[in-house]
């Protein structure tokens, strides 16, 4: 091992620990392909994010710029593979050895990047232009990652919320996680800091008090956002999905309940994705408990979210969730009751406990949306369409705003062409503009210590 004192970087070779020991020569060749479209840059970016776990930088662009000299190489040997990391963040090591959890995450990245490229994208087994093919591909990615557990009764709660929330809101997410842990519930989040880390941290204490071993803390991410939301160290099952749409589908396929904590544009994107699916007529009878919750100081935040949903999607959408303020134990208790209904429905319908096959997801929610200036301007944001389709288009608008705020490609597009233009019907754009303005006023649209220069412009 060679330690570079400059900017606390380390060079090291790492052997996998049971996650992925063998690669074919073809797979190694693809991982070393530096050309556009090759796997190297995706793997490098995700690997750097994992090694940067715990850092205070939450800008993908800044992470990549600060560690521009970072490199990762696959070394093929007769007895298996090793990874060589060059100029890696020293914080990923203790006494010269890579921290075990970070090492597991690093090889999870390798596992998923290789599998998606070899078995999903370049396979004729999956029609990724068809809804059924996408859902089936997601199932196979999760099965390969050993996320699907057939012998476990429903107990997985998906937690959404902002990655840069304030201390009071963060502490509240820990309290809710603690109460859920006491009730034997497991946690799935977007794997990053803030509202994605807090529930896991709280649940670990609840599980420990109940002497529950083998608690599950599942983190689901994707290459476009991982650098800004590096996996938190509590995650013990990490999965890298190919894009944001497949990431979101994982949450609703494997979750038995969903709790939404305060956040910003990314959290609203998740809310719209979820409500759009629940509003589909085929899903009317499928139970899925959804709770919006936060401390007392967050009441105004949820009042504005509730008003936006009512103003765009209507009362039916508002009936698909409960709002519970400042009552962590009540939140956890509601999920325990709600999961009973989930279990009973799946047993009667014959659906799997570990993967919600029966949930109907429109292709508008599944096909990857590229937030270019042309695509953002062309979104159908008008009330003369089915509510679930309006939710899908609103979700895409927020996806573009997230990209313009934190994703590398989105940041570059805004720098080159200026803000995205969002067009549509005034009845839809007014509540949209009001919600986004409230996020800016509350500091939910900027990174700590910086002002917010909007990446979008509302055009009616």
Protein backbone atom coordinates (compact mmCIF):
# COMPACT_ATOMS: atom_id res chain seq x y z
CA UNK A 1 0.00 0.00 0.00
CA UNK A 2 1.18 3.53 -0.83
CA UNK A 3 -0.17 6.51 1.13
CA UNK A 4 -0.15 9.84 -0.66
CA UNK A 5 -0.07 12.75 1.78
CA UNK A 6 -1.39 15.14 -0.85
CA UNK A 7 -5.05 15.80 -0.03
CA UNK A 8 -5.20 12.57 2.03
CA UNK A 9 -5.39 10.07 -0.81
CA UNK A 10 -4.65 6.34 -0.64
CA UNK A 11 -3.71 3.74 -3.24
CA UNK A 12 -4.73 0.18 -2.42
CA UNK A 13 -5.69 -3.23 -3.79
CA UNK A 14 -8.86 -4.84 -2.45
CA UNK A 15 -10.08 -8.42 -2.63
CA UNK A 16 -13.86 -8.99 -2.72
CA UNK A 17 -15.51 -10.46 0.34
CA UNK A 18 -18.14 -12.82 -1.00
CA UNK A 19 -19.97 -10.37 -3.28
CA UNK A 20 -18.34 -10.90 -6.66
CA UNK A 21 -15.17 -12.94 -7.04
CA UNK A 22 -15.14 -13.82 -10.74
CA UNK A 23 -15.53 -11.84 -13.96
CA UNK A 24 -15.21 -12.99 -17.54
CA UNK A 25 -12.56 -11.48 -19.77
CA UNK A 26 -15.33 -9.80 -21.77
CA UNK A 27 -16.73 -8.16 -18.60
CA UNK A 28 -13.30 -6.94 -17.55
CA UNK A 29 -12.76 -5.54 -21.04
CA UNK A 30 -16.03 -3.59 -20.83
CA UNK A 31 -15.13 -2.23 -17.40
CA UNK A 32 -11.86 -0.95 -18.82
CA UNK A 33 -13.56 0.68 -21.81
CA UNK A 34 -12.92 4.44 -21.47
CA UNK A 35 -14.82 5.31 -24.65
CA UNK A 36 -18.19 7.03 -24.59
CA UNK A 37 -20.80 4.44 -23.76
CA UNK A 38 -18.26 2.22 -21.99
CA UNK A 39 -18.82 1.02 -18.45
CA UNK A 40 -15.68 2.58 -17.01
CA UNK A 41 -17.04 6.05 -16.25
CA UNK A 42 -20.25 4.73 -14.69
CA UNK A 43 -18.27 2.34 -12.50
CA UNK A 44 -15.70 5.00 -11.58
CA UNK A 45 -18.34 7.55 -10.58
CA UNK A 46 -20.29 5.07 -8.43
CA UNK A 47 -17.10 3.70 -6.86
CA UNK A 48 -15.93 7.20 -5.95
CA UNK A 49 -19.30 7.96 -4.34
CA UNK A 50 -19.04 4.84 -2.17
CA UNK A 51 -15.47 5.66 -1.14
CA UNK A 52 -16.59 9.21 -0.33
CA UNK A 53 -19.17 8.02 2.21
CA UNK A 54 -19.40 10.40 5.16
CA UNK A 55 -18.01 13.43 3.33
CA UNK A 56 -19.80 16.76 3.63
CA UNK A 57 -19.78 17.44 -0.11
CA UNK A 58 -23.26 16.83 -1.58
CA UNK A 59 -22.67 18.12 -5.09
CA UNK A 60 -21.95 15.46 -7.72
CA UNK A 61 -20.06 18.01 -9.82
CA UNK A 62 -17.82 19.07 -6.92
CA UNK A 63 -17.07 15.48 -5.91
CA UNK A 64 -15.95 14.58 -9.43
CA UNK A 65 -13.88 17.76 -9.73
CA UNK A 66 -12.18 17.37 -6.34
CA UNK A 67 -11.27 13.75 -7.05
CA UNK A 68 -10.51 14.13 -10.75
CA UNK A 69 -7.33 12.09 -10.24
CA UNK A 70 -9.22 9.13 -8.76
CA UNK A 71 -9.04 5.87 -10.70
CA UNK A 72 -10.26 2.32 -10.17
CA UNK A 73 -9.01 -0.73 -12.08
CA UNK A 74 -10.07 -4.34 -12.25
CA UNK A 75 -7.18 -6.80 -11.95
CA UNK A 76 -7.97 -10.22 -13.39
CA UNK A 77 -6.14 -13.13 -11.74
CA UNK A 78 -6.34 -16.90 -12.07
CA UNK A 79 -7.85 -17.14 -8.60
CA UNK A 80 -10.36 -14.30 -9.10
CA UNK A 81 -10.30 -10.51 -9.25
CA UNK A 82 -9.03 -7.58 -7.25
CA UNK A 83 -9.80 -3.90 -7.44
CA UNK A 84 -7.02 -1.34 -7.45
CA UNK A 85 -8.07 2.11 -6.26
CA UNK A 86 -5.78 5.05 -6.98
CA UNK A 87 -5.99 8.39 -5.15
CA UNK A 88 -9.01 7.19 -3.17
CA UNK A 89 -10.36 9.27 -0.23
CA UNK A 90 -8.37 8.35 2.88
CA UNK A 91 -11.57 8.46 4.97
CA UNK A 92 -12.53 5.09 3.45
CA UNK A 93 -9.63 3.42 5.30
CA UNK A 94 -8.72 2.70 8.91
CA UNK A 95 -5.17 1.70 9.85
CA UNK A 96 -4.40 1.06 6.19
CA UNK A 97 -7.40 -1.19 5.55
CA UNK A 98 -10.62 -0.30 3.77
CA UNK A 99 -13.60 -0.11 6.11
CA UNK A 100 -15.56 -3.34 5.75
CA UNK A 101 -18.93 -1.74 5.03
CA UNK A 102 -17.42 0.51 2.35
CA UNK A 103 -15.69 -2.51 0.83
CA UNK A 104 -19.03 -4.35 0.66
CA UNK A 105 -20.65 -1.34 -1.02
CA UNK A 106 -17.79 -1.05 -3.51
CA UNK A 107 -18.25 -4.63 -4.68
CA UNK A 108 -22.02 -4.19 -4.74
CA UNK A 109 -21.41 -1.41 -7.26
CA UNK A 110 -19.24 -3.74 -9.33
CA UNK A 111 -21.84 -6.51 -9.12
CA UNK A 112 -24.73 -4.33 -10.28
CA UNK A 113 -22.90 -2.40 -13.00
CA UNK A 114 -21.62 -5.63 -14.54
CA UNK A 115 -24.93 -7.48 -14.23
CA UNK A 116 -27.04 -4.70 -15.74
CA UNK A 117 -24.66 -4.33 -18.66
CA UNK A 118 -24.20 -8.04 -19.38
CA UNK A 119 -27.56 -9.54 -18.44
CA UNK A 120 -30.09 -6.72 -18.81
CA UNK A 121 -29.09 -4.09 -21.36
CA UNK A 122 -27.38 -6.49 -23.76
CA UNK A 123 -29.80 -9.38 -23.37
CA UNK A 124 -32.73 -10.30 -25.59
CA UNK A 125 -34.54 -11.73 -22.57
CA UNK A 126 -35.95 -8.32 -21.58
CA UNK A 127 -37.93 -5.87 -23.70
CA UNK A 128 -36.97 -2.61 -22.00
CA UNK A 129 -39.46 -0.70 -24.15
CA UNK A 130 -42.40 -2.64 -22.67
CA UNK A 131 -43.84 -2.32 -19.18
CA UNK A 132 -43.78 -6.04 -18.43
CA UNK A 133 -40.19 -6.37 -19.64
CA UNK A 134 -39.02 -3.50 -17.42
CA UNK A 135 -40.71 -4.94 -14.33
CA UNK A 136 -39.21 -8.35 -15.04
CA UNK A 137 -35.73 -6.85 -15.51
CA UNK A 138 -36.00 -5.05 -12.17
CA UNK A 139 -36.95 -8.34 -10.50
CA UNK A 140 -33.85 -10.03 -11.92
CA UNK A 141 -31.55 -7.19 -10.79
CA UNK A 142 -32.91 -7.47 -7.25
CA UNK A 143 -32.71 -11.26 -7.26
CA UNK A 144 -29.08 -11.12 -8.42
CA UNK A 145 -28.38 -8.71 -5.53
CA UNK A 146 -30.09 -11.15 -3.13
CA UNK A 147 -32.58 -8.54 -1.97
CA UNK A 148 -35.68 -10.72 -2.42
CA UNK A 149 -36.34 -12.92 0.63
CA UNK A 150 -39.20 -15.36 0.07
CA UNK A 151 -39.49 -16.60 3.66
CA UNK A 152 -40.01 -13.18 5.30
CA UNK A 153 -43.47 -11.78 6.12
CA UNK A 154 -44.19 -8.18 5.03
CA UNK A 155 -42.22 -5.79 7.24
CA UNK A 156 -40.29 -3.41 4.94
CA UNK A 157 -40.99 0.33 5.19
CA UNK A 158 -39.66 2.64 2.48
CA UNK A 159 -38.53 6.02 3.82
CA UNK A 160 -38.31 9.07 1.56
CA UNK A 161 -37.16 12.59 2.36
CA UNK A 162 -34.46 15.19 1.80
CA UNK A 163 -30.74 14.48 2.00
CA UNK A 164 -29.88 17.90 3.44
CA UNK A 165 -32.67 18.49 5.97
CA UNK A 166 -32.11 20.44 9.20
CA UNK A 167 -31.20 18.96 12.56
CA UNK A 168 -34.71 18.98 14.04
CA UNK A 169 -36.16 17.14 11.04
CA UNK A 170 -33.24 14.70 10.98
CA UNK A 171 -33.67 13.85 14.67
CA UNK A 172 -37.36 13.25 14.04
CA UNK A 173 -36.59 10.72 11.30
CA UNK A 174 -34.44 8.85 13.84
CA UNK A 175 -37.32 8.81 16.32
CA UNK A 176 -39.67 7.34 13.73
CA UNK A 177 -37.06 4.77 12.72
CA UNK A 178 -36.58 3.84 16.38
CA UNK A 179 -40.32 3.25 16.85
CA UNK A 180 -40.46 1.16 13.69
CA UNK A 181 -37.43 -0.85 14.83
CA UNK A 182 -39.14 -1.60 18.14
CA UNK A 183 -42.03 -3.06 16.13
CA UNK A 184 -39.78 -5.32 14.09
CA UNK A 185 -40.01 -3.27 10.89
CA UNK A 186 -37.09 -3.09 8.45
CA UNK A 187 -36.02 0.01 6.52
CA UNK A 188 -35.44 0.81 2.84
CA UNK A 189 -34.30 4.25 1.69
CA UNK A 190 -32.50 6.00 -1.14
CA UNK A 191 -29.34 5.11 0.84
CA UNK A 192 -27.96 8.63 1.28
CA UNK A 193 -27.70 11.01 4.27
CA UNK A 194 -30.45 13.05 5.96
CA UNK A 195 -33.90 11.49 5.86
CA UNK A 196 -32.39 8.40 4.25
CA UNK A 197 -29.94 7.79 7.09
CA UNK A 198 -31.98 8.89 10.11
CA UNK A 199 -34.64 6.13 10.00
CA UNK A 200 -31.95 3.47 9.62
CA UNK A 201 -29.99 4.87 12.55
CA UNK A 202 -33.07 4.88 14.76
CA UNK A 203 -34.12 1.40 13.67
CA UNK A 204 -30.75 -0.06 14.65
CA UNK A 205 -31.41 0.97 18.27
CA UNK A 206 -34.98 -0.34 18.18
CA UNK A 207 -33.79 -3.65 16.74
CA UNK A 208 -31.02 -3.89 19.34
CA UNK A 209 -33.45 -3.31 22.21
CA UNK A 210 -35.72 -6.05 20.87
CA UNK A 211 -32.69 -8.32 20.31
CA UNK A 212 -33.52 -8.51 16.62
CA UNK A 213 -30.47 -9.70 14.72
CA UNK A 214 -30.20 -9.44 10.96
CA UNK A 215 -32.09 -6.15 10.64
CA UNK A 216 -32.36 -5.04 7.02
CA UNK A 217 -31.27 -1.56 5.94
CA UNK A 218 -31.68 -1.54 2.17
CA UNK A 219 -30.32 1.32 0.07
CA UNK A 220 -31.49 1.86 -3.54
CA UNK A 221 -29.66 4.38 -5.71
CA UNK A 222 -28.67 5.05 -9.33
CA UNK A 223 -25.58 6.44 -11.13
CA UNK A 224 -27.00 9.89 -11.84
CA UNK A 225 -27.47 10.84 -8.20
CA UNK A 226 -25.13 8.65 -6.15
CA UNK A 227 -22.24 11.15 -6.09
CA UNK A 228 -24.47 13.73 -4.39
CA UNK A 229 -26.00 11.12 -2.07
CA UNK A 230 -23.23 8.69 -1.18
CA UNK A 231 -24.47 5.54 0.60
CA UNK A 232 -24.66 6.01 4.35
CA UNK A 233 -22.65 3.48 6.39
CA UNK A 234 -25.69 1.80 7.96
CA UNK A 235 -26.88 0.37 4.63
CA UNK A 236 -26.21 -3.38 4.62
CA UNK A 237 -27.85 -4.14 1.27
CA UNK A 238 -26.91 -1.69 -1.50
CA UNK A 239 -28.34 -1.86 -5.03
CA UNK A 240 -27.40 0.38 -7.97
CA UNK A 241 -30.30 0.58 -10.43
CA UNK A 242 -29.68 1.73 -14.03
CA UNK A 243 -31.83 4.90 -13.87
CA UNK A 244 -34.16 6.90 -11.64
CA UNK A 245 -37.33 5.30 -13.02
CA UNK A 246 -36.18 1.77 -12.18
CA UNK A 247 -34.98 2.98 -8.80
CA UNK A 248 -38.44 4.37 -8.04
CA UNK A 249 -40.15 1.19 -9.21
CA UNK A 250 -38.03 -0.86 -6.82
CA UNK A 251 -39.42 1.10 -3.87
CA UNK A 252 -43.05 0.39 -4.68
CA UNK A 253 -42.43 -3.24 -5.71
CA UNK A 254 -40.58 -4.30 -2.55
CA UNK A 255 -42.02 -1.90 0.05
CA UNK A 256 -44.99 -2.79 2.27
CA UNK A 257 -45.53 0.80 3.38
CA UNK A 258 -44.05 4.21 2.56
CA UNK A 259 -43.27 7.10 4.91
CA UNK A 260 -42.44 10.54 3.51
CA UNK A 261 -40.35 12.95 5.58
CA UNK A 262 -39.71 16.61 4.64
CA UNK A 263 -37.55 17.19 1.59
CA UNK A 264 -37.40 19.21 -1.59
CA UNK A 265 -37.81 18.64 -5.32
CA UNK A 266 -36.53 15.05 -5.17
CA UNK A 267 -38.99 14.10 -2.45
CA UNK A 268 -41.84 15.69 -4.42
CA UNK A 269 -40.78 13.67 -7.45
CA UNK A 270 -41.12 10.52 -5.35
CA UNK A 271 -44.53 11.59 -4.01
CA UNK A 272 -45.85 12.24 -7.52
CA UNK A 273 -44.49 8.91 -8.74
CA UNK A 274 -46.24 7.09 -5.90
CA UNK A 275 -49.56 8.92 -6.20
CA UNK A 276 -49.59 8.50 -9.97
CA UNK A 277 -49.33 4.73 -9.53
CA UNK A 278 -51.94 4.59 -6.77
CA UNK A 279 -54.33 6.68 -8.90
CA UNK A 280 -54.27 4.16 -11.74
CA UNK A 281 -57.72 2.50 -11.86
CA UNK A 282 -56.17 -1.00 -11.79
CA UNK A 283 -54.56 -0.25 -8.41
CA UNK A 284 -57.66 1.03 -6.64
CA UNK A 285 -58.03 -2.05 -4.40
CA UNK A 286 -54.32 -2.66 -3.73
CA UNK A 287 -53.46 -1.63 -0.14
CA UNK A 288 -50.26 0.33 0.47
CA UNK A 289 -50.10 2.45 3.64
CA UNK A 290 -48.59 5.90 2.98
CA UNK A 291 -47.85 8.44 5.71
CA UNK A 292 -46.43 11.96 5.44
CA UNK A 293 -44.78 12.94 8.72
CA UNK A 294 -42.39 15.37 10.36
CA UNK A 295 -41.85 17.36 13.56
CA UNK A 296 -44.10 20.25 14.52
CA UNK A 297 -41.90 22.72 12.65
CA UNK A 298 -42.62 20.85 9.39
CA UNK A 299 -46.40 21.25 9.54
CA UNK A 300 -46.39 24.16 7.10
CA UNK A 301 -44.25 22.15 4.67
CA UNK A 302 -46.79 19.33 4.54
CA UNK A 303 -49.70 21.79 4.36
CA UNK A 304 -48.19 23.20 1.18
CA UNK A 305 -47.52 19.71 -0.24
CA UNK A 306 -51.12 18.74 0.56
CA UNK A 307 -52.43 21.90 -1.12
CA UNK A 308 -50.31 21.31 -4.23
CA UNK A 309 -51.61 17.74 -4.54
CA UNK A 310 -55.19 18.90 -4.13
CA UNK A 311 -54.72 21.72 -6.64
CA UNK A 312 -53.26 19.47 -9.34
CA UNK A 313 -54.39 15.87 -8.74
CA UNK A 314 -57.53 16.43 -6.64
CA UNK A 315 -59.18 14.92 -3.57
CA UNK A 316 -58.79 11.33 -4.71
CA UNK A 317 -55.02 11.69 -4.57
CA UNK A 318 -55.20 13.30 -1.12
CA UNK A 319 -57.15 10.30 0.19
CA UNK A 320 -54.28 7.93 -0.62
CA UNK A 321 -52.12 9.12 2.30
CA UNK A 322 -52.31 10.25 5.93
CA UNK A 323 -50.51 13.21 7.45
CA UNK A 324 -49.25 12.67 11.02
CA UNK A 325 -47.30 15.48 12.66
CA UNK A 326 -44.89 15.01 15.59
CA UNK A 327 -46.08 11.53 16.66
CA UNK A 328 -43.38 8.94 15.87
CA UNK A 329 -45.04 6.09 17.81
CA UNK A 330 -48.35 6.69 16.03
CA UNK A 331 -46.62 6.57 12.64
CA UNK A 332 -45.04 3.21 13.45
CA UNK A 333 -48.29 1.86 14.88
CA UNK A 334 -50.20 2.84 11.74
CA UNK A 335 -47.71 0.91 9.64
CA UNK A 336 -48.05 -2.20 11.79
CA UNK A 337 -51.83 -2.10 11.20
CA UNK A 338 -51.49 -1.21 7.52
CA UNK A 339 -49.06 -4.04 6.84
CA UNK A 340 -51.65 -6.53 8.12
CA UNK A 341 -53.93 -5.44 5.29
CA UNK A 342 -51.05 -5.74 2.81
CA UNK A 343 -50.27 -9.28 3.98
CA UNK A 344 -53.92 -10.37 3.87
CA UNK A 345 -54.44 -8.96 0.36
CA UNK A 346 -51.34 -10.63 -1.05
CA UNK A 347 -52.22 -13.94 0.54
CA UNK A 348 -55.73 -13.87 -0.95
CA UNK A 349 -54.56 -12.60 -4.37
CA UNK A 350 -51.58 -14.96 -4.52
CA UNK A 351 -49.11 -12.10 -4.95
CA UNK A 352 -45.60 -12.45 -3.51
CA UNK A 353 -44.80 -10.91 -0.14
CA UNK A 354 -41.37 -9.83 -1.42
CA UNK A 355 -42.31 -8.30 -4.82
CA UNK A 356 -45.60 -6.62 -5.68
CA UNK A 357 -46.23 -8.09 -9.13
CA UNK A 358 -49.91 -7.04 -9.25
CA UNK A 359 -49.22 -3.32 -9.02
CA UNK A 360 -49.96 -1.73 -12.41
CA UNK A 361 -47.36 0.83 -13.48
CA UNK A 362 -47.99 2.85 -16.62
CA UNK A 363 -45.07 3.03 -19.05
CA UNK A 364 -44.97 6.82 -18.53
CA UNK A 365 -43.50 6.06 -15.11
CA UNK A 366 -41.08 3.43 -16.39
CA UNK A 367 -39.45 4.71 -19.57
CA UNK A 368 -36.36 6.80 -18.74
CA UNK A 369 -36.93 10.54 -19.04
CA UNK A 370 -33.97 12.58 -20.23
CA UNK A 371 -34.31 16.12 -18.80
CA UNK A 372 -33.12 18.04 -21.83
CA UNK A 373 -34.35 21.55 -22.51
CA UNK A 374 -36.53 20.26 -25.34
CA UNK A 375 -38.07 17.48 -23.26
CA UNK A 376 -38.74 19.75 -20.28
CA UNK A 377 -40.41 22.34 -22.50
CA UNK A 378 -42.58 19.66 -24.14
CA UNK A 379 -44.09 18.19 -20.96
CA UNK A 380 -47.89 17.89 -21.01
CA UNK A 381 -48.82 19.86 -17.91
CA UNK A 382 -52.56 20.35 -18.33
CA UNK A 383 -55.64 19.10 -16.49
CA UNK A 384 -57.32 17.58 -19.56
CA UNK A 385 -55.87 14.10 -18.99
CA UNK A 386 -56.20 11.21 -16.54
CA UNK A 387 -54.94 12.11 -13.08
CA UNK A 388 -52.32 9.37 -13.08
CA UNK A 389 -50.91 10.64 -16.37
CA UNK A 390 -50.77 14.23 -15.09
CA UNK A 391 -48.90 12.91 -12.05
CA UNK A 392 -46.43 11.20 -14.40
CA UNK A 393 -45.75 14.44 -16.28
CA UNK A 394 -45.44 16.46 -13.07
CA UNK A 395 -43.03 13.81 -11.80
CA UNK A 396 -40.91 14.33 -14.91
CA UNK A 397 -40.88 18.09 -14.32
CA UNK A 398 -39.51 17.58 -10.82
CA UNK A 399 -37.04 14.99 -12.13
CA UNK A 400 -35.67 17.67 -14.44
CA UNK A 401 -35.40 20.15 -11.58
CA UNK A 402 -33.50 17.58 -9.51
CA UNK A 403 -31.15 17.03 -12.45
CA UNK A 404 -30.62 20.77 -12.85
CA UNK A 405 -29.92 21.10 -9.13
CA UNK A 406 -27.52 18.23 -8.40
CA UNK A 407 -26.84 15.84 -11.30
CA UNK A 408 -23.70 16.33 -13.38
CA UNK A 409 -25.38 16.21 -16.79
CA UNK A 410 -28.18 18.51 -15.65
CA UNK A 411 -25.79 21.05 -14.16
CA UNK A 412 -23.80 21.13 -17.39
CA UNK A 413 -26.96 21.56 -19.48
CA UNK A 414 -28.05 24.54 -17.34
CA UNK A 415 -24.59 26.11 -17.57
CA UNK A 416 -24.63 25.78 -21.36
CA UNK A 417 -28.25 26.62 -22.24
CA UNK A 418 -29.69 28.43 -19.23
CA UNK A 419 -32.71 27.41 -17.10
CA UNK A 420 -35.23 24.79 -18.22
CA UNK A 421 -38.52 26.24 -19.45
CA UNK A 422 -41.64 24.63 -17.97
CA UNK A 423 -44.79 25.27 -19.99
CA UNK A 424 -48.39 24.31 -19.36
CA UNK A 425 -51.88 25.24 -18.23
CA UNK A 426 -52.12 28.01 -15.64
CA UNK A 427 -54.32 25.86 -13.40
CA UNK A 428 -51.43 23.39 -13.09
CA UNK A 429 -48.50 25.82 -13.20
CA UNK A 430 -49.82 28.13 -10.45
CA UNK A 431 -49.72 25.50 -7.67
CA UNK A 432 -46.46 24.16 -9.10
CA UNK A 433 -44.82 27.59 -8.99
CA UNK A 434 -46.18 28.24 -5.49
CA UNK A 435 -44.76 24.97 -4.17
CA UNK A 436 -41.33 25.51 -5.73
CA UNK A 437 -41.24 29.08 -4.36
CA UNK A 438 -42.05 27.77 -0.87
CA UNK A 439 -39.16 25.28 -1.17
CA UNK A 440 -36.79 28.13 -2.05
CA UNK A 441 -38.07 30.24 0.85
CA UNK A 442 -37.59 27.32 3.27
CA UNK A 443 -34.06 26.60 2.02
CA UNK A 444 -35.07 23.25 0.47
CA UNK A 445 -33.84 24.12 -3.01
CA UNK A 446 -30.24 24.94 -2.20
CA UNK A 447 -27.19 23.30 -0.71
CA UNK A 448 -26.00 24.36 2.76
CA UNK A 449 -24.09 27.61 2.73
CA UNK A 450 -25.12 28.64 -0.80
CA UNK A 451 -27.83 30.69 -2.44
CA UNK A 452 -30.24 29.17 -4.94
CA UNK A 453 -30.19 30.21 -8.58
CA UNK A 454 -33.25 28.46 -10.11
CA UNK A 455 -32.53 25.90 -12.81
CA UNK A 456 -36.05 26.35 -14.20
CA UNK A 457 -38.38 29.09 -15.46
CA UNK A 458 -42.19 28.80 -15.35
CA UNK A 459 -43.74 29.87 -18.67
CA UNK A 460 -47.56 29.98 -18.90
